[in-house]
ModelCIF file with pLDDT and N, C-alpha, C, O atoms, coordinates in Angstrom:
data_MODEL
#
_entry.id   MODEL 
#
_entity.id                         1 
_entity.type                       polymer 
_entity.pdbx_number_of_molecules   1 
#
_entity_poly.entity_id                      1 
_entity_poly.type                           'polypeptide(L)' 
_entity_poly.nstd_linkage                   no 
_entity_poly.nstd_monomer                   no 
_entity_poly.pdbx_seq_one_letter_code       FVGRELEVLIEEPVIGEDLAFARAYLQAPEVDGAVVVRGSGFTAGRTL 
_entity_poly.pdbx_seq_one_letter_code_can   FVGRELEVLIEEPVIGEDLAFARAYLQAPEVDGAVVVRGSGFTAGRTL 
_entity_poly.pdbx_strand_id                 A 
#
loop_
_entity_poly_seq.entity_id 
_entity_poly_seq.num 
_entity_poly_seq.mon_id 
_entity_poly_seq.hetero 
1 1  PHE n 
1 2  VAL n 
1 3  GLY n 
1 4  ARG n 
1 5  GLU n 
1 6  LEU n 
1 7  GLU n 
1 8  VAL n 
1 9  LEU n 
1 10 ILE n 
1 11 GLU n 
1 12 GLU n 
1 13 PRO n 
1 14 VAL n 
1 15 ILE n 
1 16 GLY n 
1 17 GLU n 
1 18 ASP n 
1 19 LEU n 
1 20 ALA n 
1 21 PHE n 
1 22 ALA n 
1 23 ARG n 
1 24 ALA n 
1 25 TYR n 
1 26 LEU n 
1 27 GLN n 
1 28 ALA n 
1 29 PRO n 
1 30 GLU n 
1 31 VAL n 
1 32 ASP n 
1 33 GLY n 
1 34 ALA n 
1 35 VAL n 
1 36 VAL n 
1 37 VAL n 
1 38 ARG n 
1 39 GLY n 
1 40 SER n 
1 41 GLY n 
1 42 PHE n 
1 43 THR n 
1 44 ALA n 
1 45 GLY n 
1 46 ARG n 
1 47 THR n 
1 48 LEU n 
#
_struct_asym.id          A 
_struct_asym.entity_id   1 
#
loop_
_ma_qa_metric.id 
_ma_qa_metric.mode 
_ma_qa_metric.name 
_ma_qa_metric.software_group_id 
_ma_qa_metric.type 
1 global pLDDT . pLDDT 
2 local  pLDDT . pLDDT 
#
_ma_qa_metric_global.metric_id      1 
_ma_qa_metric_global.metric_value   94.56 
_ma_qa_metric_global.model_id       1 
_ma_qa_metric_global.ordinal_id     1 
#
loop_
_ma_qa_metric_local.label_asym_id 
_ma_qa_metric_local.label_comp_id 
_ma_qa_metric_local.label_seq_id 
_ma_qa_metric_local.metric_id 
_ma_qa_metric_local.metric_value 
_ma_qa_metric_local.model_id 
_ma_qa_metric_local.ordinal_id 
A PHE 1  2 97.00 1 1  
A VAL 2  2 97.00 1 2  
A GLY 3  2 96.00 1 3  
A ARG 4  2 97.00 1 4  
A GLU 5  2 97.00 1 5  
A LEU 6  2 97.00 1 6  
A GLU 7  2 97.00 1 7  
A VAL 8  2 97.00 1 8  
A LEU 9  2 97.00 1 9  
A ILE 10 2 96.00 1 10 
A GLU 11 2 95.00 1 11 
A GLU 12 2 93.00 1 12 
A PRO 13 2 93.00 1 13 
A VAL 14 2 91.00 1 14 
A ILE 15 2 89.00 1 15 
A GLY 16 2 87.00 1 16 
A GLU 17 2 92.00 1 17 
A ASP 18 2 92.00 1 18 
A LEU 19 2 94.00 1 19 
A ALA 20 2 95.00 1 20 
A PHE 21 2 97.00 1 21 
A ALA 22 2 97.00 1 22 
A ARG 23 2 97.00 1 23 
A ALA 24 2 97.00 1 24 
A TYR 25 2 97.00 1 25 
A LEU 26 2 97.00 1 26 
A GLN 27 2 97.00 1 27 
A ALA 28 2 95.00 1 28 
A PRO 29 2 94.00 1 29 
A GLU 30 2 90.00 1 30 
A VAL 31 2 92.00 1 31 
A ASP 32 2 93.00 1 32 
A GLY 33 2 91.00 1 33 
A ALA 34 2 96.00 1 34 
A VAL 35 2 97.00 1 35 
A VAL 36 2 96.00 1 36 
A VAL 37 2 97.00 1 37 
A ARG 38 2 96.00 1 38 
A GLY 39 2 93.00 1 39 
A SER 40 2 90.00 1 40 
A GLY 41 2 90.00 1 41 
A PHE 42 2 94.00 1 42 
A THR 43 2 93.00 1 43 
A ALA 44 2 94.00 1 44 
A GLY 45 2 94.00 1 45 
A ARG 46 2 95.00 1 46 
A THR 47 2 96.00 1 47 
A LEU 48 2 95.00 1 48 
#
loop_
_atom_site.group_PDB 
_atom_site.id 
_atom_site.type_symbol 
_atom_site.label_atom_id 
_atom_site.label_alt_id 
_atom_site.label_comp_id 
_atom_site.label_asym_id 
_atom_site.label_entity_id 
_atom_site.label_seq_id 
_atom_site.pdbx_PDB_ins_code 
_atom_site.Cartn_x 
_atom_site.Cartn_y 
_atom_site.Cartn_z 
_atom_site.occupancy 
_atom_site.B_iso_or_equiv 
_atom_site.pdbx_formal_charge 
_atom_site.auth_seq_id 
_atom_site.auth_comp_id 
_atom_site.auth_asym_id 
_atom_site.auth_atom_id 
_atom_site.pdbx_PDB_model_num 
ATOM 1   N N  . PHE A 1 1  ? 9.392   -11.796 2.018  1.00 97.00 ? 1  PHE A N  1 
ATOM 2   C CA . PHE A 1 1  ? 9.178   -10.724 1.161  1.00 97.00 ? 1  PHE A CA 1 
ATOM 3   C C  . PHE A 1 1  ? 10.131  -9.517  1.460  1.00 97.00 ? 1  PHE A C  1 
ATOM 4   O O  . PHE A 1 1  ? 10.309  -8.650  0.605  1.00 97.00 ? 1  PHE A O  1 
ATOM 5   N N  . VAL A 1 2  ? 10.740  -9.472  2.679  1.00 97.00 ? 2  VAL A N  1 
ATOM 6   C CA . VAL A 1 2  ? 11.553  -8.308  3.013  1.00 97.00 ? 2  VAL A CA 1 
ATOM 7   C C  . VAL A 1 2  ? 12.764  -8.276  2.026  1.00 97.00 ? 2  VAL A C  1 
ATOM 8   O O  . VAL A 1 2  ? 13.420  -9.284  1.762  1.00 97.00 ? 2  VAL A O  1 
ATOM 9   N N  . GLY A 1 3  ? 13.003  -7.072  1.516  1.00 96.00 ? 3  GLY A N  1 
ATOM 10  C CA . GLY A 1 3  ? 14.050  -6.837  0.475  1.00 96.00 ? 3  GLY A CA 1 
ATOM 11  C C  . GLY A 1 3  ? 13.632  -6.967  -0.885 1.00 96.00 ? 3  GLY A C  1 
ATOM 12  O O  . GLY A 1 3  ? 14.401  -6.655  -1.794 1.00 96.00 ? 3  GLY A O  1 
ATOM 13  N N  . ARG A 1 4  ? 12.458  -7.408  -1.109 1.00 97.00 ? 4  ARG A N  1 
ATOM 14  C CA . ARG A 1 4  ? 11.885  -7.580  -2.459 1.00 97.00 ? 4  ARG A CA 1 
ATOM 15  C C  . ARG A 1 4  ? 11.219  -6.458  -3.002 1.00 97.00 ? 4  ARG A C  1 
ATOM 16  O O  . ARG A 1 4  ? 10.725  -5.643  -2.223 1.00 97.00 ? 4  ARG A O  1 
ATOM 17  N N  . GLU A 1 5  ? 11.124  -6.280  -4.340 1.00 97.00 ? 5  GLU A N  1 
ATOM 18  C CA . GLU A 1 5  ? 10.348  -5.297  -4.956 1.00 97.00 ? 5  GLU A CA 1 
ATOM 19  C C  . GLU A 1 5  ? 8.961   -5.920  -5.412 1.00 97.00 ? 5  GLU A C  1 
ATOM 20  O O  . GLU A 1 5  ? 8.911   -6.922  -6.125 1.00 97.00 ? 5  GLU A O  1 
ATOM 21  N N  . LEU A 1 6  ? 7.934   -5.308  -4.986 1.00 97.00 ? 6  LEU A N  1 
ATOM 22  C CA . LEU A 1 6  ? 6.548   -5.746  -5.338 1.00 97.00 ? 6  LEU A CA 1 
ATOM 23  C C  . LEU A 1 6  ? 5.677   -4.693  -5.887 1.00 97.00 ? 6  LEU A C  1 
ATOM 24  O O  . LEU A 1 6  ? 5.868   -3.519  -5.570 1.00 97.00 ? 6  LEU A O  1 
ATOM 25  N N  . GLU A 1 7  ? 4.791   -5.019  -6.641 1.00 97.00 ? 7  GLU A N  1 
ATOM 26  C CA . GLU A 1 7  ? 3.752   -4.064  -7.072 1.00 97.00 ? 7  GLU A CA 1 
ATOM 27  C C  . GLU A 1 7  ? 2.675   -4.020  -6.113 1.00 97.00 ? 7  GLU A C  1 
ATOM 28  O O  . GLU A 1 7  ? 2.163   -5.079  -5.750 1.00 97.00 ? 7  GLU A O  1 
ATOM 29  N N  . VAL A 1 8  ? 2.236   -2.800  -5.619 1.00 97.00 ? 8  VAL A N  1 
ATOM 30  C CA . VAL A 1 8  ? 1.171   -2.682  -4.625 1.00 97.00 ? 8  VAL A CA 1 
ATOM 31  C C  . VAL A 1 8  ? 0.128   -1.851  -5.132 1.00 97.00 ? 8  VAL A C  1 
ATOM 32  O O  . VAL A 1 8  ? 0.350   -1.016  -6.009 1.00 97.00 ? 8  VAL A O  1 
ATOM 33  N N  . LEU A 1 9  ? -1.071  -2.045  -4.595 1.00 97.00 ? 9  LEU A N  1 
ATOM 34  C CA . LEU A 1 9  ? -2.303  -1.353  -4.967 1.00 97.00 ? 9  LEU A CA 1 
ATOM 35  C C  . LEU A 1 9  ? -2.588  -0.452  -3.784 1.00 97.00 ? 9  LEU A C  1 
ATOM 36  O O  . LEU A 1 9  ? -2.799  -0.910  -2.661 1.00 97.00 ? 9  LEU A O  1 
ATOM 37  N N  . ILE A 1 10 ? -2.588  0.860   -4.068 1.00 96.00 ? 10 ILE A N  1 
ATOM 38  C CA . ILE A 1 10 ? -2.834  1.836   -2.925 1.00 96.00 ? 10 ILE A CA 1 
ATOM 39  C C  . ILE A 1 10 ? -4.260  1.861   -2.605 1.00 96.00 ? 10 ILE A C  1 
ATOM 40  O O  . ILE A 1 10 ? -5.093  2.115   -3.475 1.00 96.00 ? 10 ILE A O  1 
ATOM 41  N N  . GLU A 1 11 ? -4.597  1.591   -1.312 1.00 95.00 ? 11 GLU A N  1 
ATOM 42  C CA . GLU A 1 11 ? -6.018  1.535   -0.885 1.00 95.00 ? 11 GLU A CA 1 
ATOM 43  C C  . GLU A 1 11 ? -6.382  2.833   -0.221 1.00 95.00 ? 11 GLU A C  1 
ATOM 44  O O  . GLU A 1 11 ? -7.480  3.334   -0.457 1.00 95.00 ? 11 GLU A O  1 
ATOM 45  N N  . GLU A 1 12 ? -5.546  3.396   0.579  1.00 93.00 ? 12 GLU A N  1 
ATOM 46  C CA . GLU A 1 12 ? -5.971  4.572   1.407  1.00 93.00 ? 12 GLU A CA 1 
ATOM 47  C C  . GLU A 1 12 ? -4.776  5.443   1.856  1.00 93.00 ? 12 GLU A C  1 
ATOM 48  O O  . GLU A 1 12 ? -4.098  5.072   2.814  1.00 93.00 ? 12 GLU A O  1 
ATOM 49  N N  . PRO A 1 13 ? -4.503  6.563   1.212  1.00 93.00 ? 13 PRO A N  1 
ATOM 50  C CA . PRO A 1 13 ? -3.482  7.454   1.744  1.00 93.00 ? 13 PRO A CA 1 
ATOM 51  C C  . PRO A 1 13 ? -4.015  7.976   3.135  1.00 93.00 ? 13 PRO A C  1 
ATOM 52  O O  . PRO A 1 13 ? -5.204  8.234   3.320  1.00 93.00 ? 13 PRO A O  1 
ATOM 53  N N  . VAL A 1 14 ? -3.075  8.105   4.057  1.00 91.00 ? 14 VAL A N  1 
ATOM 54  C CA . VAL A 1 14 ? -3.436  8.575   5.395  1.00 91.00 ? 14 VAL A CA 1 
ATOM 55  C C  . VAL A 1 14 ? -3.311  10.058  5.468  1.00 91.00 ? 14 VAL A C  1 
ATOM 56  O O  . VAL A 1 14 ? -2.214  10.580  5.274  1.00 91.00 ? 14 VAL A O  1 
ATOM 57  N N  . ILE A 1 15 ? -4.386  10.778  5.739  1.00 89.00 ? 15 ILE A N  1 
ATOM 58  C CA . ILE A 1 15 ? -4.474  12.147  5.751  1.00 89.00 ? 15 ILE A CA 1 
ATOM 59  C C  . ILE A 1 15 ? -3.546  12.676  6.809  1.00 89.00 ? 15 ILE A C  1 
ATOM 60  O O  . ILE A 1 15 ? -3.609  12.226  7.953  1.00 89.00 ? 15 ILE A O  1 
ATOM 61  N N  . GLY A 1 16 ? -2.654  13.650  6.462  1.00 87.00 ? 16 GLY A N  1 
ATOM 62  C CA . GLY A 1 16 ? -1.894  14.335  7.409  1.00 87.00 ? 16 GLY A CA 1 
ATOM 63  C C  . GLY A 1 16 ? -0.558  13.544  7.763  1.00 87.00 ? 16 GLY A C  1 
ATOM 64  O O  . GLY A 1 16 ? 0.181   13.968  8.651  1.00 87.00 ? 16 GLY A O  1 
ATOM 65  N N  . GLU A 1 17 ? -0.276  12.427  7.077  1.00 92.00 ? 17 GLU A N  1 
ATOM 66  C CA . GLU A 1 17 ? 0.862   11.684  7.290  1.00 92.00 ? 17 GLU A CA 1 
ATOM 67  C C  . GLU A 1 17 ? 1.451   11.288  5.917  1.00 92.00 ? 17 GLU A C  1 
ATOM 68  O O  . GLU A 1 17 ? 0.757   11.208  4.904  1.00 92.00 ? 17 GLU A O  1 
ATOM 69  N N  . ASP A 1 18 ? 2.781   11.045  5.953  1.00 92.00 ? 18 ASP A N  1 
ATOM 70  C CA . ASP A 1 18 ? 3.416   10.652  4.702  1.00 92.00 ? 18 ASP A CA 1 
ATOM 71  C C  . ASP A 1 18 ? 3.480   9.107   4.546  1.00 92.00 ? 18 ASP A C  1 
ATOM 72  O O  . ASP A 1 18 ? 4.552   8.503   4.511  1.00 92.00 ? 18 ASP A O  1 
ATOM 73  N N  . LEU A 1 19 ? 2.277   8.513   4.455  1.00 94.00 ? 19 LEU A N  1 
ATOM 74  C CA . LEU A 1 19 ? 2.180   7.101   4.279  1.00 94.00 ? 19 LEU A CA 1 
ATOM 75  C C  . LEU A 1 19 ? 0.777   6.754   3.699  1.00 94.00 ? 19 LEU A C  1 
ATOM 76  O O  . LEU A 1 19 ? -0.150  7.563   3.668  1.00 94.00 ? 19 LEU A O  1 
ATOM 77  N N  . ALA A 1 20 ? 0.712   5.506   3.255  1.00 95.00 ? 20 ALA A N  1 
ATOM 78  C CA . ALA A 1 20 ? -0.577  5.032   2.740  1.00 95.00 ? 20 ALA A CA 1 
ATOM 79  C C  . ALA A 1 20 ? -0.689  3.489   2.966  1.00 95.00 ? 20 ALA A C  1 
ATOM 80  O O  . ALA A 1 20 ? 0.308   2.768   2.944  1.00 95.00 ? 20 ALA A O  1 
ATOM 81  N N  . PHE A 1 21 ? -1.858  3.055   3.167  1.00 97.00 ? 21 PHE A N  1 
ATOM 82  C CA . PHE A 1 21 ? -2.093  1.599   3.236  1.00 97.00 ? 21 PHE A CA 1 
ATOM 83  C C  . PHE A 1 21 ? -2.347  1.043   1.883  1.00 97.00 ? 21 PHE A C  1 
ATOM 84  O O  . PHE A 1 21 ? -3.113  1.600   1.096  1.00 97.00 ? 21 PHE A O  1 
ATOM 85  N N  . ALA A 1 22 ? -1.684  -0.095  1.597  1.00 97.00 ? 22 ALA A N  1 
ATOM 86  C CA . ALA A 1 22 ? -1.702  -0.728  0.286  1.00 97.00 ? 22 ALA A CA 1 
ATOM 87  C C  . ALA A 1 22 ? -1.750  -2.238  0.484  1.00 97.00 ? 22 ALA A C  1 
ATOM 88  O O  . ALA A 1 22 ? -1.661  -2.739  1.605  1.00 97.00 ? 22 ALA A O  1 
ATOM 89  N N  . ARG A 1 23 ? -1.891  -2.939  -0.615 1.00 97.00 ? 23 ARG A N  1 
ATOM 90  C CA . ARG A 1 23 ? -1.865  -4.383  -0.586 1.00 97.00 ? 23 ARG A CA 1 
ATOM 91  C C  . ARG A 1 23 ? -0.954  -4.885  -1.820 1.00 97.00 ? 23 ARG A C  1 
ATOM 92  O O  . ARG A 1 23 ? -0.944  -4.256  -2.878 1.00 97.00 ? 23 ARG A O  1 
ATOM 93  N N  . ALA A 1 24 ? -0.237  -5.980  -1.639 1.00 97.00 ? 24 ALA A N  1 
ATOM 94  C CA . ALA A 1 24 ? 0.430   -6.676  -2.774 1.00 97.00 ? 24 ALA A CA 1 
ATOM 95  C C  . ALA A 1 24 ? -0.287  -7.897  -3.030 1.00 97.00 ? 24 ALA A C  1 
ATOM 96  O O  . ALA A 1 24 ? -1.264  -8.221  -2.354 1.00 97.00 ? 24 ALA A O  1 
ATOM 97  N N  . TYR A 1 25 ? 0.187   -8.625  -4.036 1.00 97.00 ? 25 TYR A N  1 
ATOM 98  C CA . TYR A 1 25 ? -0.532  -9.848  -4.478 1.00 97.00 ? 25 TYR A CA 1 
ATOM 99  C C  . TYR A 1 25 ? -0.828  -10.835 -3.358 1.00 97.00 ? 25 TYR A C  1 
ATOM 100 O O  . TYR A 1 25 ? -1.769  -11.623 -3.460 1.00 97.00 ? 25 TYR A O  1 
ATOM 101 N N  . LEU A 1 26 ? -0.025  -10.801 -2.278 1.00 97.00 ? 26 LEU A N  1 
ATOM 102 C CA . LEU A 1 26 ? -0.080  -11.721 -1.195 1.00 97.00 ? 26 LEU A CA 1 
ATOM 103 C C  . LEU A 1 26 ? -1.142  -11.460 -0.188 1.00 97.00 ? 26 LEU A C  1 
ATOM 104 O O  . LEU A 1 26 ? -1.251  -12.193 0.795  1.00 97.00 ? 26 LEU A O  1 
ATOM 105 N N  . GLN A 1 27 ? -1.986  -10.371 -0.406 1.00 97.00 ? 27 GLN A N  1 
ATOM 106 C CA . GLN A 1 27 ? -2.965  -9.966  0.605  1.00 97.00 ? 27 GLN A CA 1 
ATOM 107 C C  . GLN A 1 27 ? -4.225  -9.720  -0.129 1.00 97.00 ? 27 GLN A C  1 
ATOM 108 O O  . GLN A 1 27 ? -4.297  -8.816  -0.962 1.00 97.00 ? 27 GLN A O  1 
ATOM 109 N N  . ALA A 1 28 ? -5.309  -10.563 0.177  1.00 95.00 ? 28 ALA A N  1 
ATOM 110 C CA . ALA A 1 28 ? -6.545  -10.356 -0.269 1.00 95.00 ? 28 ALA A CA 1 
ATOM 111 C C  . ALA A 1 28 ? -7.290  -9.244  0.468  1.00 95.00 ? 28 ALA A C  1 
ATOM 112 O O  . ALA A 1 28 ? -6.972  -8.969  1.625  1.00 95.00 ? 28 ALA A O  1 
ATOM 113 N N  . PRO A 1 29 ? -8.286  -8.587  -0.173 1.00 94.00 ? 29 PRO A N  1 
ATOM 114 C CA . PRO A 1 29 ? -8.972  -7.411  0.427  1.00 94.00 ? 29 PRO A CA 1 
ATOM 115 C C  . PRO A 1 29 ? -9.565  -7.777  1.847  1.00 94.00 ? 29 PRO A C  1 
ATOM 116 O O  . PRO A 1 29 ? -10.306 -8.748  2.002  1.00 94.00 ? 29 PRO A O  1 
ATOM 117 N N  . GLU A 1 30 ? -9.198  -6.957  2.839  1.00 90.00 ? 30 GLU A N  1 
ATOM 118 C CA . GLU A 1 30 ? -9.899  -6.956  4.103  1.00 90.00 ? 30 GLU A CA 1 
ATOM 119 C C  . GLU A 1 30 ? -9.593  -8.139  5.024  1.00 90.00 ? 30 GLU A C  1 
ATOM 120 O O  . GLU A 1 30 ? -9.907  -8.023  6.209  1.00 90.00 ? 30 GLU A O  1 
ATOM 121 N N  . VAL A 1 31 ? -9.035  -9.223  4.615  1.00 92.00 ? 31 VAL A N  1 
ATOM 122 C CA . VAL A 1 31 ? -8.785  -10.391 5.514  1.00 92.00 ? 31 VAL A CA 1 
ATOM 123 C C  . VAL A 1 31 ? -7.435  -10.590 5.810  1.00 92.00 ? 31 VAL A C  1 
ATOM 124 O O  . VAL A 1 31 ? -7.173  -11.242 6.821  1.00 92.00 ? 31 VAL A O  1 
ATOM 125 N N  . ASP A 1 32 ? -6.438  -10.107 5.050  1.00 93.00 ? 32 ASP A N  1 
ATOM 126 C CA . ASP A 1 32 ? -5.047  -10.361 5.283  1.00 93.00 ? 32 ASP A CA 1 
ATOM 127 C C  . ASP A 1 32 ? -4.283  -9.092  5.832  1.00 93.00 ? 32 ASP A C  1 
ATOM 128 O O  . ASP A 1 32 ? -4.934  -8.100  6.159  1.00 93.00 ? 32 ASP A O  1 
ATOM 129 N N  . GLY A 1 33 ? -3.010  -9.114  5.929  1.00 91.00 ? 33 GLY A N  1 
ATOM 130 C CA . GLY A 1 33 ? -2.291  -7.971  6.383  1.00 91.00 ? 33 GLY A CA 1 
ATOM 131 C C  . GLY A 1 33 ? -2.227  -6.888  5.315  1.00 91.00 ? 33 GLY A C  1 
ATOM 132 O O  . GLY A 1 33 ? -2.867  -6.976  4.267  1.00 91.00 ? 33 GLY A O  1 
ATOM 133 N N  . ALA A 1 34 ? -1.446  -5.880  5.613  1.00 96.00 ? 34 ALA A N  1 
ATOM 134 C CA . ALA A 1 34 ? -1.365  -4.745  4.688  1.00 96.00 ? 34 ALA A CA 1 
ATOM 135 C C  . ALA A 1 34 ? 0.130   -4.420  4.437  1.00 96.00 ? 34 ALA A C  1 
ATOM 136 O O  . ALA A 1 34 ? 1.028   -4.878  5.144  1.00 96.00 ? 34 ALA A O  1 
ATOM 137 N N  . VAL A 1 35 ? 0.333   -3.598  3.379  1.00 97.00 ? 35 VAL A N  1 
ATOM 138 C CA . VAL A 1 35 ? 1.648   -3.010  3.112  1.00 97.00 ? 35 VAL A CA 1 
ATOM 139 C C  . VAL A 1 35 ? 1.527   -1.517  3.366  1.00 97.00 ? 35 VAL A C  1 
ATOM 140 O O  . VAL A 1 35 ? 0.743   -0.816  2.726  1.00 97.00 ? 35 VAL A O  1 
ATOM 141 N N  . VAL A 1 36 ? 2.350   -1.036  4.346  1.00 96.00 ? 36 VAL A N  1 
ATOM 142 C CA . VAL A 1 36 ? 2.355   0.413   4.668  1.00 96.00 ? 36 VAL A CA 1 
ATOM 143 C C  . VAL A 1 36 ? 3.528   1.056   3.861  1.00 96.00 ? 36 VAL A C  1 
ATOM 144 O O  . VAL A 1 36 ? 4.705   0.768   4.078  1.00 96.00 ? 36 VAL A O  1 
ATOM 145 N N  . VAL A 1 37 ? 3.108   1.964   2.898  1.00 97.00 ? 37 VAL A N  1 
ATOM 146 C CA . VAL A 1 37 ? 4.045   2.550   2.090  1.00 97.00 ? 37 VAL A CA 1 
ATOM 147 C C  . VAL A 1 37 ? 4.409   3.950   2.561  1.00 97.00 ? 37 VAL A C  1 
ATOM 148 O O  . VAL A 1 37 ? 3.545   4.814   2.713  1.00 97.00 ? 37 VAL A O  1 
ATOM 149 N N  . ARG A 1 38 ? 5.732   4.166   2.795  1.00 96.00 ? 38 ARG A N  1 
ATOM 150 C CA . ARG A 1 38 ? 6.195   5.427   3.271  1.00 96.00 ? 38 ARG A CA 1 
ATOM 151 C C  . ARG A 1 38 ? 6.320   6.458   2.080  1.00 96.00 ? 38 ARG A C  1 
ATOM 152 O O  . ARG A 1 38 ? 6.848   6.097   1.029  1.00 96.00 ? 38 ARG A O  1 
ATOM 153 N N  . GLY A 1 39 ? 5.845   7.716   2.240  1.00 93.00 ? 39 GLY A N  1 
ATOM 154 C CA . GLY A 1 39 ? 5.977   8.655   1.156  1.00 93.00 ? 39 GLY A CA 1 
ATOM 155 C C  . GLY A 1 39 ? 4.726   9.492   1.018  1.00 93.00 ? 39 GLY A C  1 
ATOM 156 O O  . GLY A 1 39 ? 3.852   9.428   1.882  1.00 93.00 ? 39 GLY A O  1 
ATOM 157 N N  . SER A 1 40 ? 4.613   10.266  -0.030 1.00 90.00 ? 40 SER A N  1 
ATOM 158 C CA . SER A 1 40 ? 3.455   11.131  -0.224 1.00 90.00 ? 40 SER A CA 1 
ATOM 159 C C  . SER A 1 40 ? 3.097   11.255  -1.741 1.00 90.00 ? 40 SER A C  1 
ATOM 160 O O  . SER A 1 40 ? 3.862   10.885  -2.632 1.00 90.00 ? 40 SER A O  1 
ATOM 161 N N  . GLY A 1 41 ? 1.940   11.777  -1.942 1.00 90.00 ? 41 GLY A N  1 
ATOM 162 C CA . GLY A 1 41 ? 1.467   11.925  -3.341 1.00 90.00 ? 41 GLY A CA 1 
ATOM 163 C C  . GLY A 1 41 ? 0.818   10.670  -3.928 1.00 90.00 ? 41 GLY A C  1 
ATOM 164 O O  . GLY A 1 41 ? 0.734   10.501  -5.144 1.00 90.00 ? 41 GLY A O  1 
ATOM 165 N N  . PHE A 1 42 ? 0.372   9.814   -3.044 1.00 94.00 ? 42 PHE A N  1 
ATOM 166 C CA . PHE A 1 42 ? -0.275  8.540   -3.488 1.00 94.00 ? 42 PHE A CA 1 
ATOM 167 C C  . PHE A 1 42 ? -1.743  8.779   -3.845 1.00 94.00 ? 42 PHE A C  1 
ATOM 168 O O  . PHE A 1 42 ? -2.427  9.637   -3.286 1.00 94.00 ? 42 PHE A O  1 
ATOM 169 N N  . THR A 1 43 ? -2.186  7.966   -4.814 1.00 93.00 ? 43 THR A N  1 
ATOM 170 C CA . THR A 1 43 ? -3.587  8.080   -5.253 1.00 93.00 ? 43 THR A CA 1 
ATOM 171 C C  . THR A 1 43 ? -4.299  6.698   -5.060 1.00 93.00 ? 43 THR A C  1 
ATOM 172 O O  . THR A 1 43 ? -3.888  5.667   -5.593 1.00 93.00 ? 43 THR A O  1 
ATOM 173 N N  . ALA A 1 44 ? -5.329  6.762   -4.305 1.00 94.00 ? 44 ALA A N  1 
ATOM 174 C CA . ALA A 1 44 ? -6.111  5.435   -4.051 1.00 94.00 ? 44 ALA A CA 1 
ATOM 175 C C  . ALA A 1 44 ? -6.563  4.835   -5.388 1.00 94.00 ? 44 ALA A C  1 
ATOM 176 O O  . ALA A 1 44 ? -7.065  5.508   -6.288 1.00 94.00 ? 44 ALA A O  1 
ATOM 177 N N  . GLY A 1 45 ? -6.340  3.485   -5.445 1.00 94.00 ? 45 GLY A N  1 
ATOM 178 C CA . GLY A 1 45 ? -6.785  2.838   -6.623 1.00 94.00 ? 45 GLY A CA 1 
ATOM 179 C C  . GLY A 1 45 ? -5.720  2.666   -7.755 1.00 94.00 ? 45 GLY A C  1 
ATOM 180 O O  . GLY A 1 45 ? -5.952  1.995   -8.761 1.00 94.00 ? 45 GLY A O  1 
ATOM 181 N N  . ARG A 1 46 ? -4.489  3.342   -7.518 1.00 95.00 ? 46 ARG A N  1 
ATOM 182 C CA . ARG A 1 46 ? -3.411  3.222   -8.479 1.00 95.00 ? 46 ARG A CA 1 
ATOM 183 C C  . ARG A 1 46 ? -2.341  2.249   -7.911 1.00 95.00 ? 46 ARG A C  1 
ATOM 184 O O  . ARG A 1 46 ? -2.306  1.984   -6.709 1.00 95.00 ? 46 ARG A O  1 
ATOM 185 N N  . THR A 1 47 ? -1.540  1.770   -8.736 1.00 96.00 ? 47 THR A N  1 
ATOM 186 C CA . THR A 1 47 ? -0.478  0.900   -8.333 1.00 96.00 ? 47 THR A CA 1 
ATOM 187 C C  . THR A 1 47 ? 0.869   1.547   -8.474 1.00 96.00 ? 47 THR A C  1 
ATOM 188 O O  . THR A 1 47 ? 1.042   2.502   -9.231 1.00 96.00 ? 47 THR A O  1 
ATOM 189 N N  . LEU A 1 48 ? 1.883   0.987   -7.695 1.00 95.00 ? 48 LEU A N  1 
ATOM 190 C CA . LEU A 1 48 ? 3.261   1.475   -7.868 1.00 95.00 ? 48 LEU A CA 1 
ATOM 191 C C  . LEU A 1 48 ? 4.189   0.359   -7.471 1.00 95.00 ? 48 LEU A C  1 
ATOM 192 O O  . LEU A 1 48 ? 5.408   0.519   -7.528 1.00 95.00 ? 48 LEU A O  1 
#
């Protein structure tokens, strides 16, 4: 998946840091890995 563009669902922006935990289609809730998205202004429950 490295180098690819994927739609991710923002789960939790990290307070005080420019990053958020998210998931792509390849990760089921709570049991698989995560996508750490670098940046700011993310909203939990939205996709990008």
